């Protein structure tokens, strides 16, 4: 039994390290290619990286590649008088020198071209609260590693209290919830100018965020009570964090559906509602799309494997009556 507990502890430690690294890692990448973006100037296409806390630039073009990209864009700017054009509009933000191109801006411009929301408006509740969910998962994993009931409950109570206090101070005392709502409204207004509707969206983000915050605290209390009263419930302390890869894909696919089925008339071209590619390659108008997991998703898979192995060991102990 002692050896099994050490194995469970070791597997949980590996999972915790992967959990921390995964929060800062790129989980998924998406790239668009088109004739206006030749590989010599845009070797990775228009590429962005999805993290748990936001969307980041994935383009690495620099030096000669950046200069070539600037030349292409400036040439199109001189000859194209379209009201909205993903190449000409992006020219205002492409002169990045050796730092490369801002492909989040490029992607936003392309999306605007067909009437899509700016990328940053996706997952407006999930992104700023992700760090607290990671804290929640970390506490569950630490508690699961405890072989005895009393230390397990102490870890859960102290850990959840710390996460809840951190969340309340960060979101309400320091005002990060309100600053996030204002940033969300500003991003929404980048292309969409109906301020009455944007204000409603901001109120929705604010209210849903509050529901999620206090809902998470309620869940913490339920987890503590259930762990104290129901011995097999401790297995959920490992199972829930183990399902992070599934949670991410479901959320990612859901927001892709939202973006593809909520088009607006501001676009220069009309595109029928569609489901953007979640995994693999697709085609939208003249753009080829690529969507694949990145190395951060491998960390999530490692968490799944380690925690499921630890869960099976603890389940065996419960069946044999050697676990508290």
C-alpha atoms as a PDB file:
ATOM      1  CA  UNK A   1       0.000   0.000   0.000  1.00  0.00           C
ATOM      2  CA  UNK A   2       2.829   2.399   0.837  1.00  0.00           C
ATOM      3  CA  UNK A   3       4.401   1.791  -2.566  1.00  0.00           C
ATOM      4  CA  UNK A   4       1.083   2.381  -4.294  1.00  0.00           C
ATOM      5  CA  UNK A   5       0.636   5.664  -2.423  1.00  0.00           C
ATOM      6  CA  UNK A   6       4.077   6.804  -3.539  1.00  0.00           C
ATOM      7  CA  UNK A   7       3.197   5.981  -7.138  1.00  0.00           C
ATOM      8  CA  UNK A   8      -0.041   7.940  -6.822  1.00  0.00           C
ATOM      9  CA  UNK A   9       1.901  10.858  -5.356  1.00  0.00           C
ATOM     10  CA  UNK A  10       4.496  10.730  -8.127  1.00  0.00           C
ATOM     11  CA  UNK A  11       1.889  10.612 -10.879  1.00  0.00           C
ATOM     12  CA  UNK A  12       0.038  13.520  -9.279  1.00  0.00           C
ATOM     13  CA  UNK A  13       3.246  15.553  -9.016  1.00  0.00           C
ATOM     14  CA  UNK A  14       3.925  15.039 -12.727  1.00  0.00           C
ATOM     15  CA  UNK A  15       0.356  16.098 -13.475  1.00  0.00           C
ATOM     16  CA  UNK A  16       0.699  19.250 -11.359  1.00  0.00           C
ATOM     17  CA  UNK A  17       3.872  20.269 -13.189  1.00  0.00           C
ATOM     18  CA  UNK A  18       2.121  19.697 -16.523  1.00  0.00           C
ATOM     19  CA  UNK A  19      -0.912  21.657 -15.292  1.00  0.00           C
ATOM     20  CA  UNK A  20       1.158  24.736 -14.449  1.00  0.00           C
ATOM     21  CA  UNK A  21       3.063  24.516 -17.733  1.00  0.00           C
ATOM     22  CA  UNK A  22      -0.152  24.022 -19.733  1.00  0.00           C
ATOM     23  CA  UNK A  23      -1.638  27.277 -18.457  1.00  0.00           C
ATOM     24  CA  UNK A  24       1.197  29.234 -20.099  1.00  0.00           C
ATOM     25  CA  UNK A  25       1.532  27.000 -23.169  1.00  0.00           C
ATOM     26  CA  UNK A  26      -0.053  27.270 -26.622  1.00  0.00           C
ATOM     27  CA  UNK A  27      -2.745  24.575 -26.676  1.00  0.00           C
ATOM     28  CA  UNK A  28      -4.011  24.795 -30.261  1.00  0.00           C
ATOM     29  CA  UNK A  29      -2.935  26.556 -33.445  1.00  0.00           C
ATOM     30  CA  UNK A  30      -4.911  27.800 -36.434  1.00  0.00           C
ATOM     31  CA  UNK A  31      -3.531  29.042 -39.730  1.00  0.00           C
ATOM     32  CA  UNK A  32      -5.072  30.557 -42.856  1.00  0.00           C
ATOM     33  CA  UNK A  33      -3.391  30.545 -46.249  1.00  0.00           C
ATOM     34  CA  UNK A  34      -4.480  32.299 -49.427  1.00  0.00           C
ATOM     35  CA  UNK A  35      -2.951  33.499 -52.709  1.00  0.00           C
ATOM     36  CA  UNK A  36      -2.540  37.032 -51.284  1.00  0.00           C
ATOM     37  CA  UNK A  37      -0.296  35.585 -48.544  1.00  0.00           C
ATOM     38  CA  UNK A  38       2.558  33.795 -50.402  1.00  0.00           C
ATOM     39  CA  UNK A  39       4.739  31.396 -48.382  1.00  0.00           C
ATOM     40  CA  UNK A  40       7.874  33.467 -48.953  1.00  0.00           C
ATOM     41  CA  UNK A  41       6.345  36.364 -47.023  1.00  0.00           C
ATOM     42  CA  UNK A  42       4.083  34.363 -44.695  1.00  0.00           C
ATOM     43  CA  UNK A  43       5.853  31.010 -44.133  1.00  0.00           C
ATOM     44  CA  UNK A  44       3.280  29.872 -41.539  1.00  0.00           C
ATOM     45  CA  UNK A  45       0.313  31.516 -43.213  1.00  0.00           C
ATOM     46  CA  UNK A  46      -1.773  33.746 -40.965  1.00  0.00           C
ATOM     47  CA  UNK A  47      -1.207  31.763 -37.787  1.00  0.00           C
ATOM     48  CA  UNK A  48      -2.519  32.243 -34.251  1.00  0.00           C
ATOM     49  CA  UNK A  49      -2.061  30.256 -31.032  1.00  0.00           C
ATOM     50  CA  UNK A  50      -4.828  29.571 -28.533  1.00  0.00           C
ATOM     51  CA  UNK A  51      -3.907  29.612 -24.842  1.00  0.00           C
ATOM     52  CA  UNK A  52      -6.249  29.167 -21.901  1.00  0.00           C
ATOM     53  CA  UNK A  53      -5.988  32.875 -21.125  1.00  0.00           C
ATOM     54  CA  UNK A  54      -6.202  34.295 -24.638  1.00  0.00           C
ATOM     55  CA  UNK A  55      -5.139  34.234 -28.278  1.00  0.00           C
ATOM     56  CA  UNK A  56      -1.559  35.050 -29.303  1.00  0.00           C
ATOM     57  CA  UNK A  57       0.387  35.822 -32.435  1.00  0.00           C
ATOM     58  CA  UNK A  58       1.780  32.706 -34.136  1.00  0.00           C
ATOM     59  CA  UNK A  59       3.575  34.347 -37.078  1.00  0.00           C
ATOM     60  CA  UNK A  60       7.350  34.241 -37.116  1.00  0.00           C
ATOM     61  CA  UNK A  61       8.061  36.149 -40.314  1.00  0.00           C
ATOM     62  CA  UNK A  62      10.972  38.528 -39.774  1.00  0.00           C
ATOM     63  CA  UNK A  63      13.706  40.318 -41.614  1.00  0.00           C
ATOM     64  CA  UNK A  64      13.448  39.668 -45.338  1.00  0.00           C
ATOM     65  CA  UNK A  65      10.089  37.910 -44.921  1.00  0.00           C
ATOM     66  CA  UNK A  66       8.609  40.897 -43.142  1.00  0.00           C
ATOM     67  CA  UNK A  67       9.910  43.330 -45.745  1.00  0.00           C
ATOM     68  CA  UNK A  68       8.446  41.156 -48.493  1.00  0.00           C
ATOM     69  CA  UNK A  69       5.104  41.050 -46.674  1.00  0.00           C
ATOM     70  CA  UNK A  70       5.151  44.852 -46.367  1.00  0.00           C
ATOM     71  CA  UNK A  71       5.849  45.224 -50.077  1.00  0.00           C
ATOM     72  CA  UNK A  72       2.956  42.912 -50.972  1.00  0.00           C
ATOM     73  CA  UNK A  73       0.553  44.741 -48.675  1.00  0.00           C
ATOM     74  CA  UNK A  74       1.627  48.224 -49.791  1.00  0.00           C
ATOM     75  CA  UNK A  75       1.266  47.190 -53.424  1.00  0.00           C
ATOM     76  CA  UNK A  76      -2.264  45.992 -52.810  1.00  0.00           C
ATOM     77  CA  UNK A  77      -2.979  49.163 -50.854  1.00  0.00           C
ATOM     78  CA  UNK A  78      -2.070  51.284 -53.877  1.00  0.00           C
ATOM     79  CA  UNK A  79      -4.257  49.342 -56.309  1.00  0.00           C
ATOM     80  CA  UNK A  80      -7.260  48.195 -54.296  1.00  0.00           C
ATOM     81  CA  UNK A  81     -10.061  50.575 -53.310  1.00  0.00           C
ATOM     82  CA  UNK A  82     -12.306  47.970 -51.632  1.00  0.00           C
ATOM     83  CA  UNK A  83     -14.056  49.258 -48.520  1.00  0.00           C
ATOM     84  CA  UNK A  84     -12.832  46.253 -46.543  1.00  0.00           C
ATOM     85  CA  UNK A  85      -9.833  44.233 -47.583  1.00  0.00           C
ATOM     86  CA  UNK A  86      -7.910  41.862 -45.313  1.00  0.00           C
ATOM     87  CA  UNK A  87      -4.623  42.801 -46.949  1.00  0.00           C
ATOM     88  CA  UNK A  88      -4.952  46.582 -47.308  1.00  0.00           C
ATOM     89  CA  UNK A  89      -6.538  47.124 -43.909  1.00  0.00           C
ATOM     90  CA  UNK A  90      -3.805  45.090 -42.240  1.00  0.00           C
ATOM     91  CA  UNK A  91      -1.138  47.339 -43.790  1.00  0.00           C
ATOM     92  CA  UNK A  92      -1.679  49.805 -40.958  1.00  0.00           C
ATOM     93  CA  UNK A  93      -0.403  47.297 -38.409  1.00  0.00           C
ATOM     94  CA  UNK A  94       2.151  45.204 -40.236  1.00  0.00           C
ATOM     95  CA  UNK A  95       5.347  47.256 -39.967  1.00  0.00           C
ATOM     96  CA  UNK A  96       6.831  45.272 -37.109  1.00  0.00           C
ATOM     97  CA  UNK A  97      10.422  45.037 -38.344  1.00  0.00           C
ATOM     98  CA  UNK A  98      12.368  42.125 -36.913  1.00  0.00           C
ATOM     99  CA  UNK A  99       9.576  41.438 -34.426  1.00  0.00           C
ATOM    100  CA  UNK A 100       7.527  39.879 -37.206  1.00  0.00           C
ATOM    101  CA  UNK A 101       3.877  40.223 -38.151  1.00  0.00           C
ATOM    102  CA  UNK A 102       0.883  40.567 -35.876  1.00  0.00           C
ATOM    103  CA  UNK A 103      -1.206  37.693 -37.160  1.00  0.00           C
ATOM    104  CA  UNK A 104      -3.940  38.155 -34.552  1.00  0.00           C
ATOM    105  CA  UNK A 105      -4.652  41.512 -36.181  1.00  0.00           C
ATOM    106  CA  UNK A 106      -4.398  39.919 -39.633  1.00  0.00           C
ATOM    107  CA  UNK A 107      -6.855  37.209 -38.648  1.00  0.00           C
ATOM    108  CA  UNK A 108      -9.255  39.767 -37.203  1.00  0.00           C
ATOM    109  CA  UNK A 109      -9.141  41.727 -40.445  1.00  0.00           C
ATOM    110  CA  UNK A 110      -9.871  38.618 -42.491  1.00  0.00           C
ATOM    111  CA  UNK A 111     -12.736  37.693 -40.160  1.00  0.00           C
ATOM    112  CA  UNK A 112     -14.131  41.214 -40.438  1.00  0.00           C
ATOM    113  CA  UNK A 113     -13.975  40.834 -44.215  1.00  0.00           C
ATOM    114  CA  UNK A 114     -16.695  38.156 -44.001  1.00  0.00           C
ATOM    115  CA  UNK A 115     -18.606  39.590 -41.015  1.00  0.00           C
ATOM    116  CA  UNK A 116     -17.096  37.708 -38.049  1.00  0.00           C
ATOM    117  CA  UNK A 117     -16.485  39.015 -34.550  1.00  0.00           C
ATOM    118  CA  UNK A 118     -12.917  39.912 -33.465  1.00  0.00           C
ATOM    119  CA  UNK A 119     -11.143  36.848 -32.074  1.00  0.00           C
ATOM    120  CA  UNK A 120     -10.621  38.361 -28.621  1.00  0.00           C
ATOM    121  CA  UNK A 121     -14.390  38.500 -28.066  1.00  0.00           C
ATOM    122  CA  UNK A 122     -14.527  34.688 -27.886  1.00  0.00           C
ATOM    123  CA  UNK A 123     -14.702  32.961 -24.486  1.00  0.00           C
ATOM    124  CA  UNK A 124     -15.002  36.303 -22.620  1.00  0.00           C
ATOM    125  CA  UNK A 125     -15.812  34.574 -19.327  1.00  0.00           C
ATOM    126  CA  UNK A 126     -13.573  31.524 -19.629  1.00  0.00           C
ATOM    127  CA  UNK A 127     -10.308  33.323 -20.429  1.00  0.00           C
ATOM    128  CA  UNK A 128     -10.021  35.693 -17.446  1.00  0.00           C
ATOM    129  CA  UNK A 129     -11.284  33.042 -15.011  1.00  0.00           C
ATOM    130  CA  UNK A 130      -9.134  30.197 -16.352  1.00  0.00           C
ATOM    131  CA  UNK A 131      -6.387  30.773 -13.757  1.00  0.00           C
ATOM    132  CA  UNK A 132      -8.882  30.197 -10.941  1.00  0.00           C
ATOM    133  CA  UNK A 133     -10.142  26.986 -12.509  1.00  0.00           C
ATOM    134  CA  UNK A 134      -6.545  25.839 -12.770  1.00  0.00           C
ATOM    135  CA  UNK A 135      -6.141  26.624  -9.076  1.00  0.00           C
ATOM    136  CA  UNK A 136      -9.314  24.640  -8.397  1.00  0.00           C
ATOM    137  CA  UNK A 137      -7.964  21.654 -10.340  1.00  0.00           C
ATOM    138  CA  UNK A 138      -4.571  21.890  -8.626  1.00  0.00           C
ATOM    139  CA  UNK A 139      -6.169  21.747  -5.183  1.00  0.00           C
ATOM    140  CA  UNK A 140      -8.245  18.712  -6.195  1.00  0.00           C
ATOM    141  CA  UNK A 141      -5.132  16.938  -7.440  1.00  0.00           C
ATOM    142  CA  UNK A 142      -3.159  17.713  -4.281  1.00  0.00           C
ATOM    143  CA  UNK A 143      -6.025  16.459  -2.123  1.00  0.00           C
ATOM    144  CA  UNK A 144      -6.315  13.290  -4.182  1.00  0.00           C
ATOM    145  CA  UNK A 145      -2.628  12.556  -3.554  1.00  0.00           C
ATOM    146  CA  UNK A 146      -3.335  12.458   0.195  1.00  0.00           C
ATOM    147  CA  UNK A 147      -3.740   8.825   1.219  1.00  0.00           C
ATOM    148  CA  UNK A 148      -5.692   9.632   4.397  1.00  0.00           C
ATOM    149  CA  UNK A 149      -9.028  11.357   4.815  1.00  0.00           C
ATOM    150  CA  UNK A 150      -8.099  14.039   7.348  1.00  0.00           C
ATOM    151  CA  UNK A 151      -5.120  15.463   5.406  1.00  0.00           C
ATOM    152  CA  UNK A 152      -7.227  15.296   2.234  1.00  0.00           C
ATOM    153  CA  UNK A 153      -9.962  17.435   3.800  1.00  0.00           C
ATOM    154  CA  UNK A 154      -7.409  19.883   5.211  1.00  0.00           C
ATOM    155  CA  UNK A 155      -5.842  20.342   1.763  1.00  0.00           C
ATOM    156  CA  UNK A 156      -9.249  20.809   0.151  1.00  0.00           C
ATOM    157  CA  UNK A 157     -10.455  23.311   2.758  1.00  0.00           C
ATOM    158  CA  UNK A 158      -7.257  25.373   2.884  1.00  0.00           C
ATOM    159  CA  UNK A 159      -6.667  25.205  -0.865  1.00  0.00           C
ATOM    160  CA  UNK A 160     -10.207  26.135  -1.866  1.00  0.00           C
ATOM    161  CA  UNK A 161     -10.245  28.966   0.680  1.00  0.00           C
ATOM    162  CA  UNK A 162      -7.045  30.324  -0.865  1.00  0.00           C
ATOM    163  CA  UNK A 163      -8.404  30.070  -4.428  1.00  0.00           C
ATOM    164  CA  UNK A 164     -11.744  31.656  -3.439  1.00  0.00           C
ATOM    165  CA  UNK A 165      -9.998  34.517  -1.630  1.00  0.00           C
ATOM    166  CA  UNK A 166      -7.640  35.071  -4.562  1.00  0.00           C
ATOM    167  CA  UNK A 167     -10.586  35.127  -6.960  1.00  0.00           C
ATOM    168  CA  UNK A 168     -12.651  37.606  -4.918  1.00  0.00           C
ATOM    169  CA  UNK A 169      -9.721  39.979  -4.381  1.00  0.00           C
ATOM    170  CA  UNK A 170      -8.561  39.789  -7.999  1.00  0.00           C
ATOM    171  CA  UNK A 171     -11.947  40.221  -9.628  1.00  0.00           C
ATOM    172  CA  UNK A 172     -13.726  42.604  -7.264  1.00  0.00           C
ATOM    173  CA  UNK A 173     -11.262  44.316  -4.897  1.00  0.00           C
ATOM    174  CA  UNK A 174      -8.627  44.974  -7.570  1.00  0.00           C
ATOM    175  CA  UNK A 175     -11.319  45.564 -10.190  1.00  0.00           C
ATOM    176  CA  UNK A 176     -10.039  43.123 -12.800  1.00  0.00           C
ATOM    177  CA  UNK A 177     -13.550  41.953 -13.670  1.00  0.00           C
ATOM    178  CA  UNK A 178     -14.649  45.456 -14.582  1.00  0.00           C
ATOM    179  CA  UNK A 179     -11.438  46.209 -16.494  1.00  0.00           C
ATOM    180  CA  UNK A 180     -11.903  42.988 -18.454  1.00  0.00           C
ATOM    181  CA  UNK A 181     -15.498  43.919 -19.311  1.00  0.00           C
ATOM    182  CA  UNK A 182     -14.350  47.329 -20.561  1.00  0.00           C
ATOM    183  CA  UNK A 183     -11.597  45.735 -22.656  1.00  0.00           C
ATOM    184  CA  UNK A 184     -14.106  43.265 -24.075  1.00  0.00           C
ATOM    185  CA  UNK A 185     -16.471  46.095 -25.035  1.00  0.00           C
ATOM    186  CA  UNK A 186     -13.626  48.042 -26.609  1.00  0.00           C
ATOM    187  CA  UNK A 187     -12.568  45.008 -28.656  1.00  0.00           C
ATOM    188  CA  UNK A 188     -16.168  44.379 -29.702  1.00  0.00           C
ATOM    189  CA  UNK A 189     -16.369  47.971 -30.898  1.00  0.00           C
ATOM    190  CA  UNK A 190     -13.280  47.638 -33.095  1.00  0.00           C
ATOM    191  CA  UNK A 191     -15.475  46.921 -36.118  1.00  0.00           C
ATOM    192  CA  UNK A 192     -19.012  46.868 -34.687  1.00  0.00           C
ATOM    193  CA  UNK A 193     -20.349  50.329 -33.792  1.00  0.00           C
ATOM    194  CA  UNK A 194     -23.750  49.620 -32.214  1.00  0.00           C
ATOM    195  CA  UNK A 195     -22.909  50.820 -28.679  1.00  0.00           C
ATOM    196  CA  UNK A 196     -26.321  49.924 -27.261  1.00  0.00           C
ATOM    197  CA  UNK A 197     -25.789  46.298 -28.207  1.00  0.00           C
ATOM    198  CA  UNK A 198     -22.156  46.360 -27.070  1.00  0.00           C
ATOM    199  CA  UNK A 199     -23.265  47.661 -23.656  1.00  0.00           C
ATOM    200  CA  UNK A 200     -25.706  44.752 -23.397  1.00  0.00           C
ATOM    201  CA  UNK A 201     -22.906  42.331 -24.271  1.00  0.00           C
ATOM    202  CA  UNK A 202     -20.725  43.906 -21.593  1.00  0.00           C
ATOM    203  CA  UNK A 203     -23.479  43.512 -19.005  1.00  0.00           C
ATOM    204  CA  UNK A 204     -23.886  39.873 -20.028  1.00  0.00           C
ATOM    205  CA  UNK A 205     -20.165  39.176 -19.588  1.00  0.00           C
ATOM    206  CA  UNK A 206     -20.184  40.920 -16.201  1.00  0.00           C
ATOM    207  CA  UNK A 207     -23.248  39.039 -14.931  1.00  0.00           C
ATOM    208  CA  UNK A 208     -22.235  35.611 -16.243  1.00  0.00           C
ATOM    209  CA  UNK A 209     -18.748  36.075 -14.767  1.00  0.00           C
ATOM    210  CA  UNK A 210     -20.272  36.768 -11.349  1.00  0.00           C
ATOM    211  CA  UNK A 211     -22.456  33.666 -11.645  1.00  0.00           C
ATOM    212  CA  UNK A 212     -19.423  31.553 -12.556  1.00  0.00           C
ATOM    213  CA  UNK A 213     -17.313  32.991  -9.719  1.00  0.00           C
ATOM    214  CA  UNK A 214     -19.854  32.342  -6.996  1.00  0.00           C
ATOM    215  CA  UNK A 215     -20.892  29.081  -8.657  1.00  0.00           C
ATOM    216  CA  UNK A 216     -17.291  27.871  -8.434  1.00  0.00           C
ATOM    217  CA  UNK A 217     -17.199  28.730  -4.727  1.00  0.00           C
ATOM    218  CA  UNK A 218     -20.427  26.752  -4.230  1.00  0.00           C
ATOM    219  CA  UNK A 219     -18.908  23.790  -6.065  1.00  0.00           C
ATOM    220  CA  UNK A 220     -15.884  23.958  -3.755  1.00  0.00           C
ATOM    221  CA  UNK A 221     -18.156  23.620  -0.734  1.00  0.00           C
ATOM    222  CA  UNK A 222     -19.967  20.674  -2.326  1.00  0.00           C
ATOM    223  CA  UNK A 223     -16.657  18.933  -3.108  1.00  0.00           C
ATOM    224  CA  UNK A 224     -15.468  19.323   0.500  1.00  0.00           C
ATOM    225  CA  UNK A 225     -18.757  18.011   1.921  1.00  0.00           C
ATOM    226  CA  UNK A 226     -18.967  15.094  -0.529  1.00  0.00           C
ATOM    227  CA  UNK A 227     -15.351  14.097   0.108  1.00  0.00           C
ATOM    228  CA  UNK A 228     -16.042  14.075   3.843  1.00  0.00           C
ATOM    229  CA  UNK A 229     -19.204  11.981   3.547  1.00  0.00           C
ATOM    230  CA  UNK A 230     -18.700   9.700   0.525  1.00  0.00           C
ATOM    231  CA  UNK A 231     -15.481   7.710   0.392  1.00  0.00           C
ATOM    232  CA  UNK A 232     -15.516   6.886  -3.377  1.00  0.00           C
ATOM    233  CA  UNK A 233     -16.054  10.575  -4.167  1.00  0.00           C
ATOM    234  CA  UNK A 234     -12.300  11.079  -3.832  1.00  0.00           C
ATOM    235  CA  UNK A 235     -11.929   9.461  -7.274  1.00  0.00           C
ATOM    236  CA  UNK A 236     -13.577  12.537  -8.798  1.00  0.00           C
ATOM    237  CA  UNK A 237     -10.713  14.614  -7.416  1.00  0.00           C
ATOM    238  CA  UNK A 238      -8.558  12.911 -10.044  1.00  0.00           C
ATOM    239  CA  UNK A 239     -11.143  12.385 -12.786  1.00  0.00           C
ATOM    240  CA  UNK A 240     -12.242  16.017 -13.171  1.00  0.00           C
ATOM    241  CA  UNK A 241      -8.735  17.461 -13.777  1.00  0.00           C
ATOM    242  CA  UNK A 242      -7.944  14.468 -16.002  1.00  0.00           C
ATOM    243  CA  UNK A 243     -10.723  15.534 -18.374  1.00  0.00           C
ATOM    244  CA  UNK A 244      -9.078  18.892 -19.167  1.00  0.00           C
ATOM    245  CA  UNK A 245      -8.294  17.831 -22.779  1.00  0.00           C
ATOM    246  CA  UNK A 246     -12.002  17.123 -23.326  1.00  0.00           C
ATOM    247  CA  UNK A 247     -13.098  20.366 -21.642  1.00  0.00           C
ATOM    248  CA  UNK A 248     -10.811  22.373 -23.909  1.00  0.00           C
ATOM    249  CA  UNK A 249     -11.977  20.747 -27.151  1.00  0.00           C
ATOM    250  CA  UNK A 250     -15.661  21.136 -26.226  1.00  0.00           C
ATOM    251  CA  UNK A 251     -15.187  24.822 -25.374  1.00  0.00           C
ATOM    252  CA  UNK A 252     -13.031  25.462 -28.435  1.00  0.00           C
ATOM    253  CA  UNK A 253     -15.509  23.768 -30.791  1.00  0.00           C
ATOM    254  CA  UNK A 254     -18.432  25.579 -29.187  1.00  0.00           C
ATOM    255  CA  UNK A 255     -16.885  28.994 -29.742  1.00  0.00           C
ATOM    256  CA  UNK A 256     -15.927  28.113 -33.313  1.00  0.00           C
ATOM    257  CA  UNK A 257     -19.561  27.247 -33.926  1.00  0.00           C
ATOM    258  CA  UNK A 258     -20.605  30.584 -32.408  1.00  0.00           C
ATOM    259  CA  UNK A 259     -18.230  32.543 -34.637  1.00  0.00           C
ATOM    260  CA  UNK A 260     -19.294  30.649 -37.755  1.00  0.00           C
ATOM    261  CA  UNK A 261     -23.033  30.967 -37.076  1.00  0.00           C
ATOM    262  CA  UNK A 262     -23.200  34.605 -35.973  1.00  0.00           C
ATOM    263  CA  UNK A 263     -22.165  36.536 -39.059  1.00  0.00           C
ATOM    264  CA  UNK A 264     -22.867  40.259 -39.380  1.00  0.00           C
ATOM    265  CA  UNK A 265     -23.634  42.513 -42.361  1.00  0.00           C
ATOM    266  CA  UNK A 266     -20.507  44.625 -41.982  1.00  0.00           C
ATOM    267  CA  UNK A 267     -18.474  42.246 -44.188  1.00  0.00           C
ATOM    268  CA  UNK A 268     -17.542  43.051 -47.757  1.00  0.00           C
ATOM    269  CA  UNK A 269     -18.597  39.510 -48.704  1.00  0.00           C
ATOM    270  CA  UNK A 270     -21.566  37.469 -47.565  1.00  0.00           C
ATOM    271  CA  UNK A 271     -20.746  33.979 -46.327  1.00  0.00           C
ATOM    272  CA  UNK A 272     -23.386  31.468 -45.262  1.00  0.00           C
ATOM    273  CA  UNK A 273     -23.182  30.281 -41.640  1.00  0.00           C
ATOM    274  CA  UNK A 274     -20.671  27.447 -41.359  1.00  0.00           C
ATOM    275  CA  UNK A 275     -18.786  25.354 -38.827  1.00  0.00           C
ATOM    276  CA  UNK A 276     -15.093  26.331 -38.833  1.00  0.00           C
ATOM    277  CA  UNK A 277     -12.630  23.457 -38.856  1.00  0.00           C
ATOM    278  CA  UNK A 278     -11.960  22.142 -35.348  1.00  0.00           C
ATOM    279  CA  UNK A 279      -9.315  19.598 -36.342  1.00  0.00           C
ATOM    280  CA  UNK A 280      -7.658  19.190 -39.726  1.00  0.00           C
ATOM    281  CA  UNK A 281      -7.898  21.203 -42.932  1.00  0.00           C
ATOM    282  CA  UNK A 282     -10.824  23.124 -44.395  1.00  0.00           C
ATOM    283  CA  UNK A 283     -11.761  25.708 -46.997  1.00  0.00           C
ATOM    284  CA  UNK A 284     -13.628  29.015 -46.639  1.00  0.00           C
ATOM    285  CA  UNK A 285     -13.900  31.150 -49.785  1.00  0.00           C
ATOM    286  CA  UNK A 286     -10.338  31.530 -51.109  1.00  0.00           C
ATOM    287  CA  UNK A 287      -8.785  30.672 -47.736  1.00  0.00           C
ATOM    288  CA  UNK A 288      -7.446  27.267 -46.719  1.00  0.00           C
ATOM    289  CA  UNK A 289      -7.718  26.675 -42.976  1.00  0.00           C
ATOM    290  CA  UNK A 290      -5.563  24.490 -40.747  1.00  0.00           C
ATOM    291  CA  UNK A 291      -6.435  23.676 -37.132  1.00  0.00           C
ATOM    292  CA  UNK A 292      -4.351  21.328 -34.989  1.00  0.00           C
ATOM    293  CA  UNK A 293      -3.344  20.740 -31.359  1.00  0.00           C
ATOM    294  CA  UNK A 294      -0.029  22.240 -30.306  1.00  0.00           C
ATOM    295  CA  UNK A 295       2.509  21.080 -27.745  1.00  0.00           C
ATOM    296  CA  UNK A 296       0.474  22.452 -24.827  1.00  0.00           C
ATOM    297  CA  UNK A 297      -2.281  19.998 -25.652  1.00  0.00           C
ATOM    298  CA  UNK A 298       0.279  17.241 -25.205  1.00  0.00           C
ATOM    299  CA  UNK A 299       0.669  18.428 -21.607  1.00  0.00           C
ATOM    300  CA  UNK A 300      -3.084  18.043 -21.125  1.00  0.00           C
ATOM    301  CA  UNK A 301      -2.909  14.510 -22.500  1.00  0.00           C
ATOM    302  CA  UNK A 302      -0.051  13.765 -20.084  1.00  0.00           C
ATOM    303  CA  UNK A 303      -2.266  14.977 -17.225  1.00  0.00           C
ATOM    304  CA  UNK A 304      -5.042  12.687 -18.419  1.00  0.00           C
ATOM    305  CA  UNK A 305      -2.773   9.640 -18.594  1.00  0.00           C
ATOM    306  CA  UNK A 306      -1.098  10.230 -15.219  1.00  0.00           C
ATOM    307  CA  UNK A 307      -4.280  11.031 -13.318  1.00  0.00           C
ATOM    308  CA  UNK A 308      -6.182   8.103 -14.793  1.00  0.00           C
ATOM    309  CA  UNK A 309      -3.381   5.736 -13.782  1.00  0.00           C
ATOM    310  CA  UNK A 310      -3.419   7.218 -10.278  1.00  0.00           C
ATOM    311  CA  UNK A 311      -7.211   6.916 -10.187  1.00  0.00           C
ATOM    312  CA  UNK A 312      -7.064   3.217 -11.101  1.00  0.00           C
ATOM    313  CA  UNK A 313      -4.586   2.556  -8.290  1.00  0.00           C
ATOM    314  CA  UNK A 314      -6.744   4.401  -5.747  1.00  0.00           C
ATOM    315  CA  UNK A 315      -9.864   2.609  -7.028  1.00  0.00           C
ATOM    316  CA  UNK A 316      -8.110  -0.719  -6.449  1.00  0.00           C
ATOM    317  CA  UNK A 317      -7.280   0.374  -2.907  1.00  0.00           C
ATOM    318  CA  UNK A 318     -10.909   1.316  -2.280  1.00  0.00           C
ATOM    319  CA  UNK A 319     -12.107  -2.077  -3.480  1.00  0.00           C
ATOM    320  CA  UNK A 320      -9.606  -3.825  -1.237  1.00  0.00           C
ATOM    321  CA  UNK A 321     -10.569  -1.632   1.697  1.00  0.00           C
ATOM    322  CA  UNK A 322      -7.065  -0.241   2.181  1.00  0.00           C
ATOM    323  CA  UNK A 323      -7.883   3.391   1.323  1.00  0.00           C
ATOM    324  CA  UNK A 324      -9.614   5.923   3.573  1.00  0.00           C
END
